[in-house]
Amino acid sequence: MPFYLTQVSYTPESVASLVKNPRNRAEEIRPVIERLGGKLHGFWFAFGEYDVVLLAEFPSNANVAAVVLAAFGAGGLRGIKTTPLLSIEETMDALTKASNARYQSPTKTGIQVPA
């Protein structure tokens, strides 16, 4: 199954709620992920632009999108970003395919790019 890296930013109200009533958000999101065919591999709180980073596997983009839409739609989040991750084998396959694609940059095909 493909892996996905998801980064989440909480609203100030969500942070205040967690401070007032501390709870393990990983254990709260795990069943949601599992109901949609996924597996949670890691959940971390972070400093900076995102408050949470999690790593999960899902059978398809639609399954991970369902979790993202459910979480964002429920409120309490300022932002959410999900990045599909490629294994090294998938990356090598993509690199091999790219090397055979024979793509040429517009600047190498005689087309002038406006400045």
PDB file of N, CA and C in Angstrom:
ATOM      1  N   MET A   1       0.848  -1.184   0.000  1.00  0.00           N
ATOM      2  CA  MET A   1       0.000   0.000   0.000  1.00  0.00           C
ATOM      3  C   MET A   1       0.890   1.242   0.000  1.00  0.00           C
ATOM      4  N   PRO A   2       0.454   2.280  -0.680  1.00  0.00           N
ATOM      5  CA  PRO A   2       1.215   3.533  -0.697  1.00  0.00           C
ATOM      6  C   PRO A   2       1.231   4.226   0.669  1.00  0.00           C
ATOM      7  N   PHE A   3       2.331   4.917   0.930  1.00  0.00           N
ATOM      8  CA  PHE A   3       2.479   5.710   2.151  1.00  0.00           C
ATOM      9  C   PHE A   3       2.148   7.164   1.852  1.00  0.00           C
ATOM     10  N   TYR A   4       1.642   7.850   2.881  1.00  0.00           N
ATOM     11  CA  TYR A   4       1.296   9.264   2.773  1.00  0.00           C
ATOM     12  C   TYR A   4       1.797   9.985   4.018  1.00  0.00           C
ATOM     13  N   LEU A   5       2.379  11.156   3.811  1.00  0.00           N
ATOM     14  CA  LEU A   5       2.808  12.033   4.889  1.00  0.00           C
ATOM     15  C   LEU A   5       1.758  13.137   4.993  1.00  0.00           C
ATOM     16  N   THR A   6       1.158  13.281   6.155  1.00  0.00           N
ATOM     17  CA  THR A   6       0.136  14.316   6.348  1.00  0.00           C
ATOM     18  C   THR A   6       0.596  15.272   7.439  1.00  0.00           C
ATOM     19  N   GLN A   7       0.458  16.566   7.151  1.00  0.00           N
ATOM     20  CA  GLN A   7       0.810  17.620   8.091  1.00  0.00           C
ATOM     21  C   GLN A   7      -0.459  18.405   8.410  1.00  0.00           C
ATOM     22  N   VAL A   8      -0.675  18.660   9.691  1.00  0.00           N
ATOM     23  CA  VAL A   8      -1.915  19.284  10.145  1.00  0.00           C
ATOM     24  C   VAL A   8      -1.609  20.502  11.010  1.00  0.00           C
ATOM     25  N   SER A   9      -2.368  21.571  10.795  1.00  0.00           N
ATOM     26  CA  SER A   9      -2.310  22.759  11.656  1.00  0.00           C
ATOM     27  C   SER A   9      -3.638  22.884  12.381  1.00  0.00           C
ATOM     28  N   TYR A  10      -3.571  22.940  13.695  1.00  0.00           N
ATOM     29  CA  TYR A  10      -4.775  23.118  14.513  1.00  0.00           C
ATOM     30  C   TYR A  10      -5.160  24.592  14.598  1.00  0.00           C
ATOM     31  N   THR A  11      -6.429  24.856  14.828  1.00  0.00           N
ATOM     32  CA  THR A  11      -6.872  26.207  15.163  1.00  0.00           C
ATOM     33  C   THR A  11      -6.457  26.491  16.604  1.00  0.00           C
ATOM     34  N   PRO A  12      -6.386  27.766  16.992  1.00  0.00           N
ATOM     35  CA  PRO A  12      -6.092  28.078  18.396  1.00  0.00           C
ATOM     36  C   PRO A  12      -7.101  27.431  19.355  1.00  0.00           C
ATOM     37  N   GLU A  13      -8.349  27.341  18.933  1.00  0.00           N
ATOM     38  CA  GLU A  13      -9.377  26.717  19.778  1.00  0.00           C
ATOM     39  C   GLU A  13      -9.090  25.234  20.008  1.00  0.00           C
ATOM     40  N   SER A  14      -8.602  24.556  18.986  1.00  0.00           N
ATOM     41  CA  SER A  14      -8.260  23.138  19.134  1.00  0.00           C
ATOM     42  C   SER A  14      -7.091  22.956  20.093  1.00  0.00           C
ATOM     43  N   VAL A  15      -6.085  23.815  19.975  1.00  0.00           N
ATOM     44  CA  VAL A  15      -4.935  23.736  20.886  1.00  0.00           C
ATOM     45  C   VAL A  15      -5.406  23.990  22.315  1.00  0.00           C
ATOM     46  N   ALA A  16      -6.248  25.002  22.502  1.00  0.00           N
ATOM     47  CA  ALA A  16      -6.767  25.305  23.840  1.00  0.00           C
ATOM     48  C   ALA A  16      -7.537  24.115  24.403  1.00  0.00           C
ATOM     49  N   SER A  17      -8.310  23.453  23.574  1.00  0.00           N
ATOM     50  CA  SER A  17      -9.071  22.280  24.005  1.00  0.00           C
ATOM     51  C   SER A  17      -8.143  21.149  24.439  1.00  0.00           C
ATOM     52  N   LEU A  18      -7.049  20.935  23.687  1.00  0.00           N
ATOM     53  CA  LEU A  18      -6.094  19.887  24.051  1.00  0.00           C
ATOM     54  C   LEU A  18      -5.343  20.216  25.341  1.00  0.00           C
ATOM     55  N   VAL A  19      -5.058  21.499  25.550  1.00  0.00           N
ATOM     56  CA  VAL A  19      -4.391  21.907  26.788  1.00  0.00           C
ATOM     57  C   VAL A  19      -5.339  21.707  27.970  1.00  0.00           C
ATOM     58  N   LYS A  20      -6.588  22.077  27.794  1.00  0.00           N
ATOM     59  CA  LYS A  20      -7.584  21.950  28.870  1.00  0.00           C
ATOM     60  C   LYS A  20      -7.914  20.485  29.151  1.00  0.00           C
ATOM     61  N   ASN A  21      -7.949  19.665  28.093  1.00  0.00           N
ATOM     62  CA  ASN A  21      -8.322  18.262  28.226  1.00  0.00           C
ATOM     63  C   ASN A  21      -7.329  17.413  27.410  1.00  0.00           C
ATOM     64  N   PRO A  22      -6.114  17.191  27.946  1.00  0.00           N
ATOM     65  CA  PRO A  22      -5.100  16.449  27.190  1.00  0.00           C
ATOM     66  C   PRO A  22      -5.582  15.049  26.819  1.00  0.00           C
ATOM     67  N   ARG A  23      -5.325  14.682  25.559  1.00  0.00           N
ATOM     68  CA  ARG A  23      -5.692  13.346  25.095  1.00  0.00           C
ATOM     69  C   ARG A  23      -4.793  12.943  23.939  1.00  0.00           C
ATOM     70  N   ASN A  24      -4.727  11.659  23.734  1.00  0.00           N
ATOM     71  CA  ASN A  24      -3.866  11.089  22.702  1.00  0.00           C
ATOM     72  C   ASN A  24      -4.585  11.149  21.359  1.00  0.00           C
ATOM     73  N   ARG A  25      -4.260  12.153  20.560  1.00  0.00           N
ATOM     74  CA  ARG A  25      -4.923  12.320  19.262  1.00  0.00           C
ATOM     75  C   ARG A  25      -4.602  11.178  18.304  1.00  0.00           C
ATOM     76  N   ALA A  26      -3.440  10.552  18.449  1.00  0.00           N
ATOM     77  CA  ALA A  26      -3.105   9.415  17.584  1.00  0.00           C
ATOM     78  C   ALA A  26      -4.127   8.299  17.772  1.00  0.00           C
ATOM     79  N   GLU A  27      -4.490   8.050  19.030  1.00  0.00           N
ATOM     80  CA  GLU A  27      -5.470   6.982  19.292  1.00  0.00           C
ATOM     81  C   GLU A  27      -6.880   7.390  18.880  1.00  0.00           C
ATOM     82  N   GLU A  28      -7.131   8.680  18.756  1.00  0.00           N
ATOM     83  CA  GLU A  28      -8.441   9.137  18.282  1.00  0.00           C
ATOM     84  C   GLU A  28      -8.543   9.061  16.761  1.00  0.00           C
ATOM     85  N   ILE A  29      -7.439   9.286  16.056  1.00  0.00           N
ATOM     86  CA  ILE A  29      -7.477   9.261  14.584  1.00  0.00           C
ATOM     87  C   ILE A  29      -7.256   7.854  14.033  1.00  0.00           C
ATOM     88  N   ARG A  30      -6.569   6.976  14.793  1.00  0.00           N
ATOM     89  CA  ARG A  30      -6.270   5.625  14.315  1.00  0.00           C
ATOM     90  C   ARG A  30      -7.517   4.868  13.827  1.00  0.00           C
ATOM     91  N   PRO A  31      -8.619   4.829  14.593  1.00  0.00           N
ATOM     92  CA  PRO A  31      -9.796   4.089  14.114  1.00  0.00           C
ATOM     93  C   PRO A  31     -10.404   4.673  12.836  1.00  0.00           C
ATOM     94  N   VAL A  32     -10.309   5.985  12.675  1.00  0.00           N
ATOM     95  CA  VAL A  32     -10.817   6.626  11.456  1.00  0.00           C
ATOM     96  C   VAL A  32     -10.005   6.144  10.258  1.00  0.00           C
ATOM     97  N   ILE A  33      -8.690   6.151  10.419  1.00  0.00           N
ATOM     98  CA  ILE A  33      -7.799   5.683   9.357  1.00  0.00           C
ATOM     99  C   ILE A  33      -8.078   4.217   9.036  1.00  0.00           C
ATOM    100  N   GLU A  34      -8.222   3.398  10.069  1.00  0.00           N
ATOM    101  CA  GLU A  34      -8.460   1.966   9.859  1.00  0.00           C
ATOM    102  C   GLU A  34      -9.806   1.687   9.200  1.00  0.00           C
ATOM    103  N   ARG A  35     -10.838   2.467   9.564  1.00  0.00           N
ATOM    104  CA  ARG A  35     -12.163   2.280   8.925  1.00  0.00           C
ATOM    105  C   ARG A  35     -12.094   2.540   7.424  1.00  0.00           C
ATOM    106  N   LEU A  36     -11.142   3.354   7.007  1.00  0.00           N
ATOM    107  CA  LEU A  36     -11.006   3.670   5.590  1.00  0.00           C
ATOM    108  C   LEU A  36      -9.859   2.888   4.940  1.00  0.00           C
ATOM    109  N   GLY A  37      -9.516   1.748   5.553  1.00  0.00           N
ATOM    110  CA  GLY A  37      -8.563   0.822   4.956  1.00  0.00           C
ATOM    111  C   GLY A  37      -7.109   1.157   5.163  1.00  0.00           C
ATOM    112  N   GLY A  38      -6.807   2.134   6.020  1.00  0.00           N
ATOM    113  CA  GLY A  38      -5.430   2.559   6.211  1.00  0.00           C
ATOM    114  C   GLY A  38      -4.795   1.989   7.454  1.00  0.00           C
ATOM    115  N   LYS A  39      -3.518   2.303   7.618  1.00  0.00           N
ATOM    116  CA  LYS A  39      -2.755   1.896   8.792  1.00  0.00           C
ATOM    117  C   LYS A  39      -1.877   3.068   9.212  1.00  0.00           C
ATOM    118  N   LEU A  40      -2.026   3.501  10.466  1.00  0.00           N
ATOM    119  CA  LEU A  40      -1.231   4.592  11.009  1.00  0.00           C
ATOM    120  C   LEU A  40       0.120   4.039  11.450  1.00  0.00           C
ATOM    121  N   HIS A  41       1.206   4.612  10.933  1.00  0.00           N
ATOM    122  CA  HIS A  41       2.553   4.163  11.280  1.00  0.00           C
ATOM    123  C   HIS A  41       3.239   5.094  12.266  1.00  0.00           C
ATOM    124  N   GLY A  42       2.848   6.346  12.302  1.00  0.00           N
ATOM    125  CA  GLY A  42       3.466   7.273  13.228  1.00  0.00           C
ATOM    126  C   GLY A  42       2.680   8.560  13.328  1.00  0.00           C
ATOM    127  N   PHE A  43       2.777   9.192  14.484  1.00  0.00           N
ATOM    128  CA  PHE A  43       2.041  10.429  14.761  1.00  0.00           C
ATOM    129  C   PHE A  43       2.918  11.256  15.687  1.00  0.00           C
ATOM    130  N   TRP A  44       3.282  12.458  15.252  1.00  0.00           N
ATOM    131  CA  TRP A  44       4.167  13.311  16.022  1.00  0.00           C
ATOM    132  C   TRP A  44       3.600  14.727  16.125  1.00  0.00           C
ATOM    133  N   PHE A  45       3.764  15.349  17.284  1.00  0.00           N
ATOM    134  CA  PHE A  45       3.515  16.776  17.398  1.00  0.00           C
ATOM    135  C   PHE A  45       4.790  17.481  16.971  1.00  0.00           C
ATOM    136  N   ALA A  46       4.655  18.663  16.400  1.00  0.00           N
ATOM    137  CA  ALA A  46       5.809  19.357  15.827  1.00  0.00           C
ATOM    138  C   ALA A  46       5.740  20.854  16.126  1.00  0.00           C
ATOM    139  N   PHE A  47       6.880  21.506  16.021  1.00  0.00           N
ATOM    140  CA  PHE A  47       6.953  22.961  16.110  1.00  0.00           C
ATOM    141  C   PHE A  47       6.930  23.527  14.702  1.00  0.00           C
ATOM    142  N   GLY A  48       6.454  24.741  14.551  1.00  0.00           N
ATOM    143  CA  GLY A  48       6.506  25.393  13.252  1.00  0.00           C
ATOM    144  C   GLY A  48       5.143  25.539  12.613  1.00  0.00           C
ATOM    145  N   GLU A  49       5.147  25.529  11.296  1.00  0.00           N
ATOM    146  CA  GLU A  49       3.923  25.761  10.524  1.00  0.00           C
ATOM    147  C   GLU A  49       2.847  24.707  10.801  1.00  0.00           C
ATOM    148  N   TYR A  50       3.276  23.471  11.027  1.00  0.00           N
ATOM    149  CA  TYR A  50       2.327  22.378  11.269  1.00  0.00           C
ATOM    150  C   TYR A  50       2.458  21.890  12.706  1.00  0.00           C
ATOM    151  N   ASP A  51       1.324  21.546  13.301  1.00  0.00           N
ATOM    152  CA  ASP A  51       1.296  21.083  14.689  1.00  0.00           C
ATOM    153  C   ASP A  51       1.458  19.574  14.805  1.00  0.00           C
ATOM    154  N   VAL A  52       1.046  18.858  13.764  1.00  0.00           N
ATOM    155  CA  VAL A  52       1.074  17.400  13.767  1.00  0.00           C
ATOM    156  C   VAL A  52       1.615  16.908  12.436  1.00  0.00           C
ATOM    157  N   VAL A  53       2.404  15.848  12.492  1.00  0.00           N
ATOM    158  CA  VAL A  53       2.860  15.152  11.301  1.00  0.00           C
ATOM    159  C   VAL A  53       2.520  13.682  11.516  1.00  0.00           C
ATOM    160  N   LEU A  54       1.899  13.079  10.513  1.00  0.00           N
ATOM    161  CA  LEU A  54       1.612  11.651  10.640  1.00  0.00           C
ATOM    162  C   LEU A  54       1.971  10.914   9.371  1.00  0.00           C
ATOM    163  N   LEU A  55       2.291   9.638   9.542  1.00  0.00           N
ATOM    164  CA  LEU A  55       2.661   8.763   8.445  1.00  0.00           C
ATOM    165  C   LEU A  55       1.682   7.608   8.445  1.00  0.00           C
ATOM    166  N   ALA A  56       1.026   7.393   7.290  1.00  0.00           N
ATOM    167  CA  ALA A  56       0.036   6.325   7.196  1.00  0.00           C
ATOM    168  C   ALA A  56       0.082   5.673   5.821  1.00  0.00           C
ATOM    169  N   GLU A  57      -0.403   4.458   5.764  1.00  0.00           N
ATOM    170  CA  GLU A  57      -0.571   3.728   4.506  1.00  0.00           C
ATOM    171  C   GLU A  57      -2.054   3.703   4.170  1.00  0.00           C
ATOM    172  N   PHE A  58      -2.370   3.800   2.892  1.00  0.00           N
ATOM    173  CA  PHE A  58      -3.755   3.683   2.430  1.00  0.00           C
ATOM    174  C   PHE A  58      -3.765   2.913   1.127  1.00  0.00           C
ATOM    175  N   PRO A  59      -4.860   2.211   0.842  1.00  0.00           N
ATOM    176  CA  PRO A  59      -4.928   1.454  -0.410  1.00  0.00           C
ATOM    177  C   PRO A  59      -5.056   2.325  -1.654  1.00  0.00           C
ATOM    178  N   SER A  60      -5.501   3.574  -1.496  1.00  0.00           N
ATOM    179  CA  SER A  60      -5.680   4.427  -2.679  1.00  0.00           C
ATOM    180  C   SER A  60      -5.710   5.893  -2.271  1.00  0.00           C
ATOM    181  N   ASN A  61      -5.556   6.752  -3.275  1.00  0.00           N
ATOM    182  CA  ASN A  61      -5.680   8.193  -3.048  1.00  0.00           C
ATOM    183  C   ASN A  61      -7.063   8.544  -2.530  1.00  0.00           C
ATOM    184  N   ALA A  62      -8.085   7.860  -3.017  1.00  0.00           N
ATOM    185  CA  ALA A  62      -9.458   8.152  -2.584  1.00  0.00           C
ATOM    186  C   ALA A  62      -9.632   7.882  -1.094  1.00  0.00           C
ATOM    187  N   ASN A  63      -8.989   6.826  -0.583  1.00  0.00           N
ATOM    188  CA  ASN A  63      -9.118   6.504   0.838  1.00  0.00           C
ATOM    189  C   ASN A  63      -8.458   7.567   1.711  1.00  0.00           C
ATOM    190  N   VAL A  64      -7.249   7.998   1.324  1.00  0.00           N
ATOM    191  CA  VAL A  64      -6.586   9.035   2.118  1.00  0.00           C
ATOM    192  C   VAL A  64      -7.342  10.354   1.974  1.00  0.00           C
ATOM    193  N   ALA A  65      -7.863  10.636   0.803  1.00  0.00           N
ATOM    194  CA  ALA A  65      -8.653  11.866   0.619  1.00  0.00           C
ATOM    195  C   ALA A  65      -9.890  11.849   1.509  1.00  0.00           C
ATOM    196  N   ALA A  66     -10.497  10.688   1.689  1.00  0.00           N
ATOM    197  CA  ALA A  66     -11.682  10.586   2.552  1.00  0.00           C
ATOM    198  C   ALA A  66     -11.340  10.960   3.991  1.00  0.00           C
ATOM    199  N   VAL A  67     -10.199  10.499   4.485  1.00  0.00           N
ATOM    200  CA  VAL A  67      -9.781  10.848   5.846  1.00  0.00           C
ATOM    201  C   VAL A  67      -9.510  12.347   5.946  1.00  0.00           C
ATOM    202  N   VAL A  68      -8.812  12.893   4.967  1.00  0.00           N
ATOM    203  CA  VAL A  68      -8.486  14.316   4.963  1.00  0.00           C
ATOM    204  C   VAL A  68      -9.765  15.152   4.927  1.00  0.00           C
ATOM    205  N   LEU A  69     -10.696  14.785   4.064  1.00  0.00           N
ATOM    206  CA  LEU A  69     -11.950  15.532   3.961  1.00  0.00           C
ATOM    207  C   LEU A  69     -12.766  15.432   5.249  1.00  0.00           C
ATOM    208  N   ALA A  70     -12.810  14.245   5.847  1.00  0.00           N
ATOM    209  CA  ALA A  70     -13.554  14.066   7.095  1.00  0.00           C
ATOM    210  C   ALA A  70     -12.933  14.908   8.210  1.00  0.00           C
ATOM    211  N   ALA A  71     -11.605  14.886   8.302  1.00  0.00           N
ATOM    212  CA  ALA A  71     -10.925  15.641   9.360  1.00  0.00           C
ATOM    213  C   ALA A  71     -11.089  17.141   9.163  1.00  0.00           C
ATOM    214  N   PHE A  72     -10.878  17.603   7.957  1.00  0.00           N
ATOM    215  CA  PHE A  72     -10.986  19.036   7.696  1.00  0.00           C
ATOM    216  C   PHE A  72     -12.436  19.491   7.816  1.00  0.00           C
ATOM    217  N   GLY A  73     -13.355  18.686   7.335  1.00  0.00           N
ATOM    218  CA  GLY A  73     -14.772  19.029   7.390  1.00  0.00           C
ATOM    219  C   GLY A  73     -15.334  19.078   8.794  1.00  0.00           C
ATOM    220  N   ALA A  74     -14.710  18.358   9.723  1.00  0.00           N
ATOM    221  CA  ALA A  74     -15.188  18.344  11.109  1.00  0.00           C
ATOM    222  C   ALA A  74     -14.848  19.637  11.847  1.00  0.00           C
ATOM    223  N   GLY A  75     -13.945  20.420  11.286  1.00  0.00           N
ATOM    224  CA  GLY A  75     -13.546  21.670  11.929  1.00  0.00           C
ATOM    225  C   GLY A  75     -12.382  21.446  12.881  1.00  0.00           C
ATOM    226  N   GLY A  76     -11.842  22.534  13.369  1.00  0.00           N
ATOM    227  CA  GLY A  76     -10.747  22.457  14.320  1.00  0.00           C
ATOM    228  C   GLY A  76      -9.366  22.493  13.694  1.00  0.00           C
ATOM    229  N   LEU A  77      -9.311  22.490  12.360  1.00  0.00           N
ATOM    230  CA  LEU A  77      -8.025  22.532  11.681  1.00  0.00           C
ATOM    231  C   LEU A  77      -7.908  23.820  10.878  1.00  0.00           C
ATOM    232  N   ARG A  78      -6.710  24.421  10.903  1.00  0.00           N
ATOM    233  CA  ARG A  78      -6.428  25.589  10.069  1.00  0.00           C
ATOM    234  C   ARG A  78      -5.965  25.163   8.690  1.00  0.00           C
ATOM    235  N   GLY A  79      -5.275  24.037   8.652  1.00  0.00           N
ATOM    236  CA  GLY A  79      -4.749  23.563   7.380  1.00  0.00           C
ATOM    237  C   GLY A  79      -4.348  22.112   7.458  1.00  0.00           C
ATOM    238  N   ILE A  80      -4.284  21.506   6.288  1.00  0.00           N
ATOM    239  CA  ILE A  80      -3.876  20.113   6.198  1.00  0.00           C
ATOM    240  C   ILE A  80      -3.203  19.911   4.843  1.00  0.00           C
ATOM    241  N   LYS A  81      -2.103  19.194   4.846  1.00  0.00           N
ATOM    242  CA  LYS A  81      -1.333  18.958   3.624  1.00  0.00           C
ATOM    243  C   LYS A  81      -0.947  17.479   3.608  1.00  0.00           C
ATOM    244  N   THR A  82      -1.244  16.803   2.509  1.00  0.00           N
ATOM    245  CA  THR A  82      -0.898  15.393   2.384  1.00  0.00           C
ATOM    246  C   THR A  82      -0.002  15.196   1.171  1.00  0.00           C
ATOM    247  N   THR A  83       1.079  14.480   1.383  1.00  0.00           N
ATOM    248  CA  THR A  83       2.056  14.218   0.339  1.00  0.00           C
ATOM    249  C   THR A  83       2.166  12.715   0.111  1.00  0.00           C
ATOM    250  N   PRO A  84       1.857  12.235  -1.108  1.00  0.00           N
ATOM    251  CA  PRO A  84       2.085  10.820  -1.405  1.00  0.00           C
ATOM    252  C   PRO A  84       3.593  10.551  -1.414  1.00  0.00           C
ATOM    253  N   LEU A  85       3.990   9.430  -0.853  1.00  0.00           N
ATOM    254  CA  LEU A  85       5.402   9.073  -0.797  1.00  0.00           C
ATOM    255  C   LEU A  85       5.677   7.880  -1.706  1.00  0.00           C
ATOM    256  N   LEU A  86       6.814   7.910  -2.372  1.00  0.00           N
ATOM    257  CA  LEU A  86       7.213   6.816  -3.253  1.00  0.00           C
ATOM    258  C   LEU A  86       8.311   6.002  -2.582  1.00  0.00           C
ATOM    259  N   SER A  87       8.208   4.680  -2.667  1.00  0.00           N
ATOM    260  CA  SER A  87       9.292   3.826  -2.187  1.00  0.00           C
ATOM    261  C   SER A  87      10.488   4.006  -3.123  1.00  0.00           C
ATOM    262  N   ILE A  88      11.645   3.534  -2.717  1.00  0.00           N
ATOM    263  CA  ILE A  88      12.814   3.644  -3.575  1.00  0.00           C
ATOM    264  C   ILE A  88      12.603   2.832  -4.858  1.00  0.00           C
ATOM    265  N   GLU A  89      11.894   1.711  -4.755  1.00  0.00           N
ATOM    266  CA  GLU A  89      11.603   0.910  -5.951  1.00  0.00           C
ATOM    267  C   GLU A  89      10.705   1.677  -6.923  1.00  0.00           C
ATOM    268  N   GLU A  90       9.685   2.341  -6.390  1.00  0.00           N
ATOM    269  CA  GLU A  90       8.810   3.152  -7.241  1.00  0.00           C
ATOM    270  C   GLU A  90       9.579   4.321  -7.856  1.00  0.00           C
ATOM    271  N   THR A  91      10.472   4.904  -7.070  1.00  0.00           N
ATOM    272  CA  THR A  91      11.273   6.013  -7.574  1.00  0.00           C
ATOM    273  C   THR A  91      12.187   5.550  -8.703  1.00  0.00           C
ATOM    274  N   MET A  92      12.824   4.400  -8.525  1.00  0.00           N
ATOM    275  CA  MET A  92      13.699   3.869  -9.569  1.00  0.00           C
ATOM    276  C   MET A  92      12.902   3.561 -10.834  1.00  0.00           C
ATOM    277  N   ASP A  93      11.693   3.017 -10.675  1.00  0.00           N
ATOM    278  CA  ASP A  93      10.823   2.750 -11.821  1.00  0.00           C
ATOM    279  C   ASP A  93      10.472   4.054 -12.531  1.00  0.00           C
ATOM    280  N   ALA A  94      10.120   5.087 -11.751  1.00  0.00           N
ATOM    281  CA  ALA A  94       9.776   6.387 -12.344  1.00  0.00           C
ATOM    282  C   ALA A  94      10.981   6.998 -13.050  1.00  0.00           C
ATOM    283  N   LEU A  95      12.163   6.889 -12.454  1.00  0.00           N
ATOM    284  CA  LEU A  95      13.373   7.433 -13.081  1.00  0.00           C
ATOM    285  C   LEU A  95      13.674   6.719 -14.401  1.00  0.00           C
ATOM    286  N   THR A  96      13.499   5.404 -14.411  1.00  0.00           N
ATOM    287  CA  THR A  96      13.723   4.636 -15.640  1.00  0.00           C
ATOM    288  C   THR A  96      12.727   5.059 -16.715  1.00  0.00           C
ATOM    289  N   LYS A  97      11.470   5.198 -16.340  1.00  0.00           N
ATOM    290  CA  LYS A  97      10.446   5.630 -17.296  1.00  0.00           C
ATOM    291  C   LYS A  97      10.738   7.039 -17.791  1.00  0.00           C
ATOM    292  N   ALA A  98      11.163   7.912 -16.897  1.00  0.00           N
ATOM    293  CA  ALA A  98      11.474   9.290 -17.291  1.00  0.00           C
ATOM    294  C   ALA A  98      12.644   9.328 -18.272  1.00  0.00           C
ATOM    295  N   SER A  99      13.633   8.465 -18.053  1.00  0.00           N
ATOM    296  CA  SER A  99      14.784   8.471 -18.953  1.00  0.00           C
ATOM    297  C   SER A  99      14.409   8.005 -20.353  1.00  0.00           C
ATOM    298  N   ASN A 100      13.313   7.251 -20.472  1.00  0.00           N
ATOM    299  CA  ASN A 100      12.840   6.772 -21.776  1.00  0.00           C
ATOM    300  C   ASN A 100      11.744   7.648 -22.381  1.00  0.00           C
ATOM    301  N   ALA A 101      11.336   8.692 -21.678  1.00  0.00           N
ATOM    302  CA  ALA A 101      10.215   9.524 -22.130  1.00  0.00           C
ATOM    303  C   ALA A 101      10.581  10.441 -23.290  1.00  0.00           C
ATOM    304  N   ARG A 102      11.839  10.773 -23.422  1.00  0.00           N
ATOM    305  CA  ARG A 102      12.330  11.650 -24.491  1.00  0.00           C
ATOM    306  C   ARG A 102      11.664  13.035 -24.474  1.00  0.00           C
ATOM    307  N   TYR A 103      11.382  13.519 -23.289  1.00  0.00           N
ATOM    308  CA  TYR A 103      10.821  14.860 -23.143  1.00  0.00           C
ATOM    309  C   TYR A 103      11.906  15.889 -23.398  1.00  0.00           C
ATOM    310  N   GLN A 104      11.536  16.961 -24.099  1.00  0.00           N
ATOM    311  CA  GLN A 104      12.460  18.066 -24.317  1.00  0.00           C
ATOM    312  C   GLN A 104      11.869  19.342 -23.748  1.00  0.00           C
ATOM    313  N   SER A 105      12.726  20.108 -23.114  1.00  0.00           N
ATOM    314  CA  SER A 105      12.336  21.397 -22.579  1.00  0.00           C
ATOM    315  C   SER A 105      11.898  22.315 -23.719  1.00  0.00           C
ATOM    316  N   PRO A 106      10.950  23.209 -23.490  1.00  0.00           N
ATOM    317  CA  PRO A 106      10.559  24.158 -24.532  1.00  0.00           C
ATOM    318  C   PRO A 106      11.739  24.976 -25.058  1.00  0.00           C
ATOM    319  N   THR A 107      12.728  25.236 -24.221  1.00  0.00           N
ATOM    320  CA  THR A 107      13.881  26.019 -24.660  1.00  0.00           C
ATOM    321  C   THR A 107      14.781  25.205 -25.604  1.00  0.00           C
ATOM    322  N   LYS A 108      14.643  23.904 -25.615  1.00  0.00           N
ATOM    323  CA  LYS A 108      15.480  23.059 -26.482  1.00  0.00           C
ATOM    324  C   LYS A 108      14.759  22.662 -27.778  1.00  0.00           C
ATOM    325  N   THR A 109      13.501  23.085 -27.918  1.00  0.00           N
ATOM    326  CA  THR A 109      12.757  22.720 -29.128  1.00  0.00           C
ATOM    327  C   THR A 109      12.534  23.924 -30.033  1.00  0.00           C
ATOM    328  N   GLY A 110      13.269  24.991 -29.799  1.00  0.00           N
ATOM    329  CA  GLY A 110      13.179  26.164 -30.658  1.00  0.00           C
ATOM    330  C   GLY A 110      12.117  27.152 -30.231  1.00  0.00           C
ATOM    331  N   ILE A 111      11.353  26.857 -29.210  1.00  0.00           N
ATOM    332  CA  ILE A 111      10.320  27.778 -28.734  1.00  0.00           C
ATOM    333  C   ILE A 111      10.994  28.777 -27.813  1.00  0.00           C
ATOM    334  N   GLN A 112      10.738  30.042 -28.061  1.00  0.00           N
ATOM    335  CA  GLN A 112      11.317  31.095 -27.240  1.00  0.00           C
ATOM    336  C   GLN A 112      10.409  31.362 -26.034  1.00  0.00           C
ATOM    337  N   VAL A 113      10.995  31.359 -24.864  1.00  0.00           N
ATOM    338  CA  VAL A 113      10.265  31.653 -23.640  1.00  0.00           C
ATOM    339  C   VAL A 113      10.368  33.141 -23.372  1.00  0.00           C
ATOM    340  N   PRO A 114       9.225  33.849 -23.245  1.00  0.00           N
ATOM    341  CA  PRO A 114       9.270  35.302 -22.982  1.00  0.00           C
ATOM    342  C   PRO A 114       9.984  35.591 -21.666  1.00  0.00           C
ATOM    343  N   ALA A 115      10.705  36.695 -21.661  1.00  0.00           N
ATOM    344  CA  ALA A 115      11.432  37.097 -20.434  1.00  0.00           C
ATOM    345  C   ALA A 115      10.494  37.748 -19.446  1.00  0.00           C
TER     346      ALA A 115
END
